[in-house]
Amino acid sequence: MKKITPFLWFDDQAEDAMNFYVSIFKNSRVLSVSPGPNGRAMSVTFKLDGQEFMALNAGPQFKFTEAISLFVSCETQAEVDELWGKLTSGGEESRCGWLKDKFGLSWQIIPTALGELLGDEDPVKVGRVMQAMLKMNKIEIAGLRQAYDQP
């Protein structure tokens, strides 16, 4: 076990959420399911693309907020599109690459190109890229590059 593992509190959907996430991300798997009352899991552990997570069915006292999100770095627009489509199914889109999945957990689906373009030394280009991103829900690499390349 890694020293730091994200721990997610669910009302009663921990196992459903785990199975949903494992179905979306490559190199992912269920590690364990600890039984609880009423045939529902009490806790679960799983890996998403090598990162271990724990989740607990602990009741409705606490809900997810945007104060914490899972940041996913994507190499291609196809990867952004695929993850965005799957994670927003039953959830909701937000701005600048943020979304909430159907369980209320916030995610950031961000192409690596965004960081590369925002890291440019030309503040005018960076400003144009930032303004383009601020108008987007799902990040579109072509739109970022178009803003960057403006004369």
N, C-alpha and C. Protein backbone atom coordinates (compact mmCIF):
# COMPACT_ATOMS: atom_id res chain seq x y z
N MET A 1 0.84 -1.18 0.00
CA MET A 1 0.00 0.00 0.00
C MET A 1 0.88 1.24 0.00
N LYS A 2 0.51 2.20 -0.81
CA LYS A 2 1.22 3.47 -0.83
C LYS A 2 0.96 4.21 0.47
N LYS A 3 1.82 5.12 0.81
CA LYS A 3 1.71 5.87 2.04
C LYS A 3 0.45 6.73 2.07
N ILE A 4 0.08 7.33 0.93
CA ILE A 4 -1.10 8.18 0.86
C ILE A 4 -2.06 7.58 -0.17
N THR A 5 -3.28 7.33 0.28
CA THR A 5 -4.31 6.75 -0.58
C THR A 5 -5.57 7.61 -0.48
N PRO A 6 -6.11 8.10 -1.58
CA PRO A 6 -7.37 8.84 -1.51
C PRO A 6 -8.47 7.94 -0.94
N PHE A 7 -9.28 8.52 -0.06
CA PHE A 7 -10.36 7.80 0.62
C PHE A 7 -11.66 8.53 0.33
N LEU A 8 -12.63 7.84 -0.25
CA LEU A 8 -13.88 8.46 -0.68
C LEU A 8 -15.05 7.98 0.18
N TRP A 9 -15.86 8.91 0.65
CA TRP A 9 -17.02 8.61 1.49
C TRP A 9 -18.27 8.66 0.63
N PHE A 10 -18.98 7.57 0.58
CA PHE A 10 -20.25 7.49 -0.15
C PHE A 10 -21.37 7.21 0.81
N ASP A 11 -22.58 7.53 0.41
CA ASP A 11 -23.76 7.18 1.19
C ASP A 11 -23.88 5.65 1.17
N ASP A 12 -24.20 5.09 -0.01
CA ASP A 12 -24.29 3.63 -0.13
C ASP A 12 -23.90 3.14 -1.53
N GLN A 13 -23.14 3.95 -2.27
CA GLN A 13 -22.81 3.60 -3.64
C GLN A 13 -21.32 3.30 -3.86
N ALA A 14 -20.56 3.01 -2.83
CA ALA A 14 -19.12 2.81 -2.99
C ALA A 14 -18.80 1.70 -4.00
N GLU A 15 -19.47 0.58 -3.91
CA GLU A 15 -19.17 -0.52 -4.82
C GLU A 15 -19.60 -0.18 -6.24
N ASP A 16 -20.75 0.46 -6.40
CA ASP A 16 -21.19 0.88 -7.73
C ASP A 16 -20.20 1.87 -8.34
N ALA A 17 -19.77 2.83 -7.54
CA ALA A 17 -18.81 3.83 -8.02
C ALA A 17 -17.50 3.16 -8.42
N MET A 18 -17.00 2.28 -7.56
CA MET A 18 -15.76 1.57 -7.86
C MET A 18 -15.87 0.83 -9.19
N ASN A 19 -16.94 0.08 -9.38
CA ASN A 19 -17.11 -0.69 -10.62
C ASN A 19 -17.21 0.24 -11.83
N PHE A 20 -17.89 1.37 -11.67
CA PHE A 20 -18.00 2.36 -12.74
C PHE A 20 -16.62 2.90 -13.10
N TYR A 21 -15.85 3.32 -12.12
CA TYR A 21 -14.52 3.89 -12.38
C TYR A 21 -13.57 2.87 -12.98
N VAL A 22 -13.59 1.64 -12.45
CA VAL A 22 -12.71 0.59 -12.96
C VAL A 22 -13.05 0.27 -14.42
N SER A 23 -14.32 0.41 -14.80
CA SER A 23 -14.71 0.13 -16.18
C SER A 23 -14.24 1.22 -17.15
N ILE A 24 -13.93 2.40 -16.64
CA ILE A 24 -13.56 3.54 -17.49
C ILE A 24 -12.06 3.64 -17.73
N PHE A 25 -11.27 3.43 -16.69
CA PHE A 25 -9.83 3.68 -16.79
C PHE A 25 -9.06 2.40 -17.08
N LYS A 26 -8.12 2.51 -18.01
CA LYS A 26 -7.25 1.39 -18.34
C LYS A 26 -6.36 1.06 -17.14
N ASN A 27 -5.86 -0.15 -17.11
CA ASN A 27 -4.96 -0.60 -16.04
C ASN A 27 -5.59 -0.41 -14.66
N SER A 28 -6.85 -0.76 -14.55
CA SER A 28 -7.58 -0.59 -13.29
C SER A 28 -8.17 -1.92 -12.86
N ARG A 29 -8.36 -2.04 -11.54
CA ARG A 29 -8.95 -3.30 -11.06
C ARG A 29 -9.47 -3.13 -9.64
N VAL A 30 -10.40 -4.01 -9.31
CA VAL A 30 -10.93 -4.12 -7.95
C VAL A 30 -9.90 -4.87 -7.11
N LEU A 31 -9.59 -4.35 -5.93
CA LEU A 31 -8.67 -5.03 -5.03
C LEU A 31 -9.40 -5.81 -3.95
N SER A 32 -10.42 -5.19 -3.36
CA SER A 32 -11.18 -5.91 -2.32
C SER A 32 -12.53 -5.27 -2.10
N VAL A 33 -13.44 -6.08 -1.60
CA VAL A 33 -14.77 -5.63 -1.20
C VAL A 33 -15.05 -6.25 0.16
N SER A 34 -15.25 -5.40 1.17
CA SER A 34 -15.57 -5.88 2.52
C SER A 34 -17.07 -5.81 2.72
N PRO A 35 -17.70 -6.95 3.03
CA PRO A 35 -19.16 -6.97 3.15
C PRO A 35 -19.66 -6.14 4.34
N GLY A 36 -20.84 -5.60 4.16
CA GLY A 36 -21.49 -4.83 5.21
C GLY A 36 -22.93 -5.29 5.35
N PRO A 37 -23.72 -4.53 6.06
CA PRO A 37 -25.12 -4.92 6.27
C PRO A 37 -25.95 -4.82 4.99
N ASN A 38 -27.03 -5.51 4.96
CA ASN A 38 -28.01 -5.45 3.86
C ASN A 38 -27.44 -5.86 2.52
N GLY A 39 -26.39 -6.67 2.51
CA GLY A 39 -25.83 -7.15 1.27
C GLY A 39 -25.02 -6.12 0.50
N ARG A 40 -24.84 -4.93 1.03
CA ARG A 40 -24.04 -3.89 0.39
C ARG A 40 -22.62 -3.95 0.94
N ALA A 41 -21.68 -3.50 0.15
CA ALA A 41 -20.30 -3.44 0.62
C ALA A 41 -20.17 -2.40 1.73
N MET A 42 -19.32 -2.67 2.69
CA MET A 42 -19.02 -1.67 3.71
C MET A 42 -17.88 -0.79 3.22
N SER A 43 -16.83 -1.43 2.67
CA SER A 43 -15.71 -0.68 2.11
C SER A 43 -15.17 -1.43 0.90
N VAL A 44 -14.49 -0.67 0.05
CA VAL A 44 -13.90 -1.25 -1.16
C VAL A 44 -12.52 -0.61 -1.37
N THR A 45 -11.66 -1.36 -2.01
CA THR A 45 -10.38 -0.81 -2.45
C THR A 45 -10.21 -1.15 -3.93
N PHE A 46 -9.60 -0.25 -4.66
CA PHE A 46 -9.44 -0.44 -6.10
C PHE A 46 -8.29 0.42 -6.60
N LYS A 47 -7.83 0.08 -7.81
CA LYS A 47 -6.78 0.86 -8.47
C LYS A 47 -7.33 1.42 -9.77
N LEU A 48 -7.03 2.69 -10.01
CA LEU A 48 -7.35 3.33 -11.28
C LEU A 48 -6.03 3.75 -11.91
N ASP A 49 -5.69 3.09 -12.98
CA ASP A 49 -4.43 3.37 -13.69
C ASP A 49 -3.25 3.43 -12.73
N GLY A 50 -3.20 2.48 -11.81
CA GLY A 50 -2.09 2.35 -10.87
C GLY A 50 -2.25 3.09 -9.55
N GLN A 51 -3.21 4.02 -9.44
CA GLN A 51 -3.43 4.77 -8.20
C GLN A 51 -4.45 4.04 -7.34
N GLU A 52 -4.07 3.72 -6.12
CA GLU A 52 -4.99 3.02 -5.22
C GLU A 52 -5.97 3.99 -4.58
N PHE A 53 -7.20 3.53 -4.41
CA PHE A 53 -8.27 4.28 -3.75
C PHE A 53 -8.96 3.37 -2.74
N MET A 54 -9.52 3.99 -1.73
CA MET A 54 -10.40 3.29 -0.80
C MET A 54 -11.72 4.05 -0.79
N ALA A 55 -12.81 3.33 -0.55
CA ALA A 55 -14.12 3.96 -0.47
C ALA A 55 -14.94 3.26 0.59
N LEU A 56 -15.83 4.02 1.19
CA LEU A 56 -16.62 3.55 2.32
C LEU A 56 -18.08 3.92 2.11
N ASN A 57 -18.97 3.01 2.42
CA ASN A 57 -20.40 3.32 2.51
C ASN A 57 -20.66 3.74 3.94
N ALA A 58 -20.82 5.02 4.17
CA ALA A 58 -20.91 5.52 5.54
C ALA A 58 -22.13 6.39 5.80
N GLY A 59 -23.03 6.48 4.84
CA GLY A 59 -24.24 7.25 5.07
C GLY A 59 -24.20 8.64 4.45
N PRO A 60 -25.31 9.34 4.55
CA PRO A 60 -25.48 10.60 3.83
C PRO A 60 -24.94 11.86 4.52
N GLN A 61 -24.22 11.71 5.61
CA GLN A 61 -23.79 12.89 6.37
C GLN A 61 -22.91 13.84 5.56
N PHE A 62 -22.06 13.32 4.70
CA PHE A 62 -21.13 14.16 3.95
C PHE A 62 -21.30 13.94 2.46
N LYS A 63 -21.21 15.02 1.71
CA LYS A 63 -21.32 14.97 0.25
C LYS A 63 -20.02 15.49 -0.35
N PHE A 64 -19.75 15.07 -1.57
CA PHE A 64 -18.59 15.59 -2.30
C PHE A 64 -18.83 17.05 -2.67
N THR A 65 -17.76 17.83 -2.70
CA THR A 65 -17.81 19.20 -3.21
C THR A 65 -16.64 19.40 -4.16
N GLU A 66 -16.65 20.53 -4.84
CA GLU A 66 -15.56 20.84 -5.76
C GLU A 66 -14.26 21.19 -5.03
N ALA A 67 -14.32 21.22 -3.70
CA ALA A 67 -13.11 21.52 -2.93
C ALA A 67 -12.03 20.47 -3.15
N ILE A 68 -12.42 19.30 -3.62
CA ILE A 68 -11.44 18.28 -4.00
C ILE A 68 -11.92 17.65 -5.30
N SER A 69 -10.96 17.40 -6.18
CA SER A 69 -11.29 16.77 -7.45
C SER A 69 -10.16 15.82 -7.82
N LEU A 70 -10.46 14.94 -8.76
CA LEU A 70 -9.46 14.03 -9.28
C LEU A 70 -9.00 14.57 -10.63
N PHE A 71 -7.72 14.87 -10.74
CA PHE A 71 -7.12 15.47 -11.93
C PHE A 71 -6.61 14.35 -12.82
N VAL A 72 -7.08 14.33 -14.06
CA VAL A 72 -6.66 13.30 -15.02
C VAL A 72 -5.94 13.98 -16.17
N SER A 73 -4.69 13.66 -16.34
CA SER A 73 -3.86 14.21 -17.41
C SER A 73 -4.04 13.34 -18.65
N CYS A 74 -4.44 13.97 -19.76
CA CYS A 74 -4.72 13.24 -20.99
C CYS A 74 -3.76 13.66 -22.09
N GLU A 75 -3.25 12.70 -22.83
CA GLU A 75 -2.29 12.97 -23.90
C GLU A 75 -2.95 13.43 -25.19
N THR A 76 -4.17 12.98 -25.46
CA THR A 76 -4.81 13.27 -26.75
C THR A 76 -6.23 13.78 -26.56
N GLN A 77 -6.76 14.40 -27.62
CA GLN A 77 -8.15 14.84 -27.59
C GLN A 77 -9.08 13.63 -27.51
N ALA A 78 -8.71 12.54 -28.17
CA ALA A 78 -9.53 11.33 -28.12
C ALA A 78 -9.68 10.84 -26.69
N GLU A 79 -8.60 10.89 -25.92
CA GLU A 79 -8.67 10.48 -24.52
C GLU A 79 -9.55 11.43 -23.71
N VAL A 80 -9.40 12.73 -23.94
CA VAL A 80 -10.26 13.72 -23.27
C VAL A 80 -11.72 13.42 -23.60
N ASP A 81 -12.01 13.24 -24.88
CA ASP A 81 -13.39 13.01 -25.33
C ASP A 81 -13.98 11.75 -24.70
N GLU A 82 -13.20 10.67 -24.69
CA GLU A 82 -13.69 9.41 -24.13
C GLU A 82 -13.99 9.52 -22.64
N LEU A 83 -13.03 10.05 -21.88
CA LEU A 83 -13.24 10.17 -20.43
C LEU A 83 -14.35 11.16 -20.11
N TRP A 84 -14.40 12.26 -20.83
CA TRP A 84 -15.44 13.26 -20.61
C TRP A 84 -16.82 12.64 -20.84
N GLY A 85 -16.96 11.93 -21.94
CA GLY A 85 -18.25 11.31 -22.26
C GLY A 85 -18.68 10.30 -21.22
N LYS A 86 -17.76 9.47 -20.78
CA LYS A 86 -18.11 8.43 -19.80
C LYS A 86 -18.38 9.02 -18.43
N LEU A 87 -17.56 9.95 -17.99
CA LEU A 87 -17.72 10.49 -16.64
C LEU A 87 -18.88 11.47 -16.52
N THR A 88 -19.26 12.14 -17.60
CA THR A 88 -20.42 13.04 -17.52
C THR A 88 -21.74 12.29 -17.70
N SER A 89 -21.69 11.04 -18.12
CA SER A 89 -22.93 10.26 -18.28
C SER A 89 -23.63 10.14 -16.92
N GLY A 90 -24.77 10.78 -16.81
CA GLY A 90 -25.50 10.79 -15.55
C GLY A 90 -25.00 11.85 -14.58
N GLY A 91 -23.96 12.56 -14.97
CA GLY A 91 -23.39 13.61 -14.13
C GLY A 91 -23.65 14.97 -14.74
N GLU A 92 -22.71 15.89 -14.55
CA GLU A 92 -22.89 17.23 -15.12
C GLU A 92 -21.56 17.86 -15.51
N GLU A 93 -21.61 18.58 -16.61
CA GLU A 93 -20.45 19.32 -17.09
C GLU A 93 -20.29 20.60 -16.29
N SER A 94 -19.05 21.04 -16.18
CA SER A 94 -18.76 22.34 -15.61
C SER A 94 -17.79 23.04 -16.55
N ARG A 95 -17.11 24.04 -16.08
CA ARG A 95 -16.22 24.84 -16.91
C ARG A 95 -14.77 24.39 -16.79
N CYS A 96 -13.99 24.73 -17.81
CA CYS A 96 -12.53 24.59 -17.78
C CYS A 96 -12.05 23.17 -17.51
N GLY A 97 -12.75 22.18 -18.06
CA GLY A 97 -12.33 20.79 -17.91
C GLY A 97 -12.84 20.09 -16.67
N TRP A 98 -13.67 20.78 -15.87
CA TRP A 98 -14.21 20.19 -14.65
C TRP A 98 -15.57 19.55 -14.95
N LEU A 99 -15.87 18.48 -14.23
CA LEU A 99 -17.17 17.82 -14.31
C LEU A 99 -17.47 17.14 -12.98
N LYS A 100 -18.73 16.80 -12.80
CA LYS A 100 -19.13 15.95 -11.68
C LYS A 100 -19.69 14.68 -12.28
N ASP A 101 -19.27 13.53 -11.76
CA ASP A 101 -19.82 12.27 -12.24
C ASP A 101 -21.17 12.01 -11.58
N LYS A 102 -21.79 10.90 -11.93
CA LYS A 102 -23.13 10.60 -11.42
C LYS A 102 -23.17 10.35 -9.91
N PHE A 103 -22.00 10.23 -9.28
CA PHE A 103 -21.93 10.06 -7.83
C PHE A 103 -21.63 11.38 -7.12
N GLY A 104 -21.43 12.44 -7.91
CA GLY A 104 -21.15 13.75 -7.34
C GLY A 104 -19.68 14.07 -7.15
N LEU A 105 -18.79 13.15 -7.54
CA LEU A 105 -17.35 13.36 -7.40
C LEU A 105 -16.86 14.25 -8.54
N SER A 106 -16.05 15.25 -8.22
CA SER A 106 -15.52 16.18 -9.21
C SER A 106 -14.24 15.64 -9.83
N TRP A 107 -14.12 15.84 -11.13
CA TRP A 107 -12.96 15.43 -11.91
C TRP A 107 -12.50 16.61 -12.75
N GLN A 108 -11.22 16.64 -13.05
CA GLN A 108 -10.66 17.56 -14.04
C GLN A 108 -10.05 16.71 -15.14
N ILE A 109 -10.57 16.84 -16.34
CA ILE A 109 -10.08 16.08 -17.48
C ILE A 109 -9.29 17.07 -18.35
N ILE A 110 -7.96 17.02 -18.21
CA ILE A 110 -7.11 18.08 -18.74
C ILE A 110 -6.05 17.52 -19.70
N PRO A 111 -6.04 18.04 -20.93
CA PRO A 111 -4.99 17.61 -21.87
C PRO A 111 -3.64 18.21 -21.47
N THR A 112 -2.58 17.43 -21.67
CA THR A 112 -1.24 17.92 -21.35
C THR A 112 -0.90 19.15 -22.18
N ALA A 113 -1.53 19.29 -23.34
CA ALA A 113 -1.28 20.45 -24.20
C ALA A 113 -1.62 21.75 -23.48
N LEU A 114 -2.60 21.74 -22.60
CA LEU A 114 -2.97 22.97 -21.88
C LEU A 114 -1.79 23.48 -21.06
N GLY A 115 -1.17 22.62 -20.31
CA GLY A 115 -0.02 23.02 -19.50
C GLY A 115 1.15 23.49 -20.35
N GLU A 116 1.35 22.81 -21.48
CA GLU A 116 2.44 23.20 -22.38
C GLU A 116 2.20 24.61 -22.93
N LEU A 117 0.98 24.88 -23.37
CA LEU A 117 0.67 26.19 -23.96
C LEU A 117 0.67 27.29 -22.90
N LEU A 118 0.16 26.99 -21.72
CA LEU A 118 0.16 27.99 -20.64
C LEU A 118 1.56 28.23 -20.09
N GLY A 119 2.48 27.34 -20.37
CA GLY A 119 3.86 27.48 -19.91
C GLY A 119 4.74 28.27 -20.87
N ASP A 120 4.16 28.77 -21.95
CA ASP A 120 4.94 29.53 -22.93
C ASP A 120 5.46 30.83 -22.31
N GLU A 121 6.58 31.30 -22.82
CA GLU A 121 7.19 32.53 -22.30
C GLU A 121 6.49 33.79 -22.79
N ASP A 122 5.68 33.67 -23.84
CA ASP A 122 4.99 34.84 -24.41
C ASP A 122 3.68 35.07 -23.66
N PRO A 123 3.59 36.13 -22.84
CA PRO A 123 2.38 36.36 -22.05
C PRO A 123 1.14 36.65 -22.90
N VAL A 124 1.32 37.16 -24.10
CA VAL A 124 0.17 37.43 -24.97
C VAL A 124 -0.44 36.11 -25.42
N LYS A 125 0.40 35.17 -25.85
CA LYS A 125 -0.09 33.85 -26.26
C LYS A 125 -0.75 33.14 -25.08
N VAL A 126 -0.10 33.19 -23.93
CA VAL A 126 -0.65 32.55 -22.72
C VAL A 126 -2.02 33.15 -22.40
N GLY A 127 -2.14 34.46 -22.49
CA GLY A 127 -3.42 35.12 -22.22
C GLY A 127 -4.50 34.67 -23.16
N ARG A 128 -4.17 34.52 -24.45
CA ARG A 128 -5.17 34.06 -25.43
C ARG A 128 -5.60 32.63 -25.13
N VAL A 129 -4.64 31.77 -24.77
CA VAL A 129 -4.97 30.38 -24.44
C VAL A 129 -5.87 30.35 -23.20
N MET A 130 -5.53 31.15 -22.20
CA MET A 130 -6.33 31.19 -20.97
C MET A 130 -7.75 31.66 -21.27
N GLN A 131 -7.89 32.68 -22.07
CA GLN A 131 -9.23 33.17 -22.41
C GLN A 131 -10.03 32.12 -23.19
N ALA A 132 -9.37 31.40 -24.08
CA ALA A 132 -10.05 30.33 -24.82
C ALA A 132 -10.51 29.24 -23.86
N MET A 133 -9.64 28.85 -22.94
CA MET A 133 -9.98 27.79 -21.99
C MET A 133 -11.16 28.20 -21.11
N LEU A 134 -11.19 29.44 -20.69
CA LEU A 134 -12.25 29.91 -19.79
C LEU A 134 -13.64 29.85 -20.43
N LYS A 135 -13.69 29.77 -21.76
CA LYS A 135 -14.97 29.67 -22.47
C LYS A 135 -15.41 28.23 -22.70
N MET A 136 -14.55 27.28 -22.36
CA MET A 136 -14.82 25.86 -22.65
C MET A 136 -15.37 25.13 -21.43
N ASN A 137 -16.20 24.15 -21.69
CA ASN A 137 -16.52 23.14 -20.67
C ASN A 137 -15.47 22.05 -20.82
N LYS A 138 -15.68 21.15 -21.79
CA LYS A 138 -14.65 20.16 -22.12
C LYS A 138 -13.53 20.90 -22.84
N ILE A 139 -12.30 20.62 -22.48
CA ILE A 139 -11.16 21.29 -23.10
C ILE A 139 -10.94 20.72 -24.51
N GLU A 140 -10.88 21.61 -25.48
CA GLU A 140 -10.65 21.25 -26.88
C GLU A 140 -9.25 21.73 -27.27
N ILE A 141 -8.37 20.79 -27.51
CA ILE A 141 -6.97 21.13 -27.84
C ILE A 141 -6.89 22.00 -29.09
N ALA A 142 -7.70 21.72 -30.10
CA ALA A 142 -7.66 22.51 -31.33
C ALA A 142 -8.00 23.97 -31.04
N GLY A 143 -8.98 24.22 -30.20
CA GLY A 143 -9.34 25.59 -29.84
C GLY A 143 -8.23 26.29 -29.07
N LEU A 144 -7.54 25.56 -28.21
CA LEU A 144 -6.41 26.13 -27.49
C LEU A 144 -5.29 26.51 -28.44
N ARG A 145 -4.99 25.58 -29.37
CA ARG A 145 -3.90 25.83 -30.33
C ARG A 145 -4.25 26.99 -31.27
N GLN A 146 -5.51 27.08 -31.65
CA GLN A 146 -5.95 28.17 -32.51
C GLN A 146 -5.74 29.52 -31.80
N ALA A 147 -6.10 29.59 -30.53
CA ALA A 147 -5.88 30.82 -29.76
C ALA A 147 -4.39 31.12 -29.63
N TYR A 148 -3.60 30.11 -29.41
CA TYR A 148 -2.15 30.26 -29.27
C TYR A 148 -1.51 30.80 -30.57
N ASP A 149 -1.97 30.26 -31.70
CA ASP A 149 -1.36 30.58 -33.00
C ASP A 149 -1.87 31.86 -33.64
N GLN A 150 -2.82 32.56 -33.02
CA GLN A 150 -3.33 33.79 -33.62
C GLN A 150 -2.19 34.78 -33.86
N PRO A 151 -2.25 35.48 -35.01
CA PRO A 151 -1.19 36.46 -35.27
C PRO A 151 -1.34 37.69 -34.39
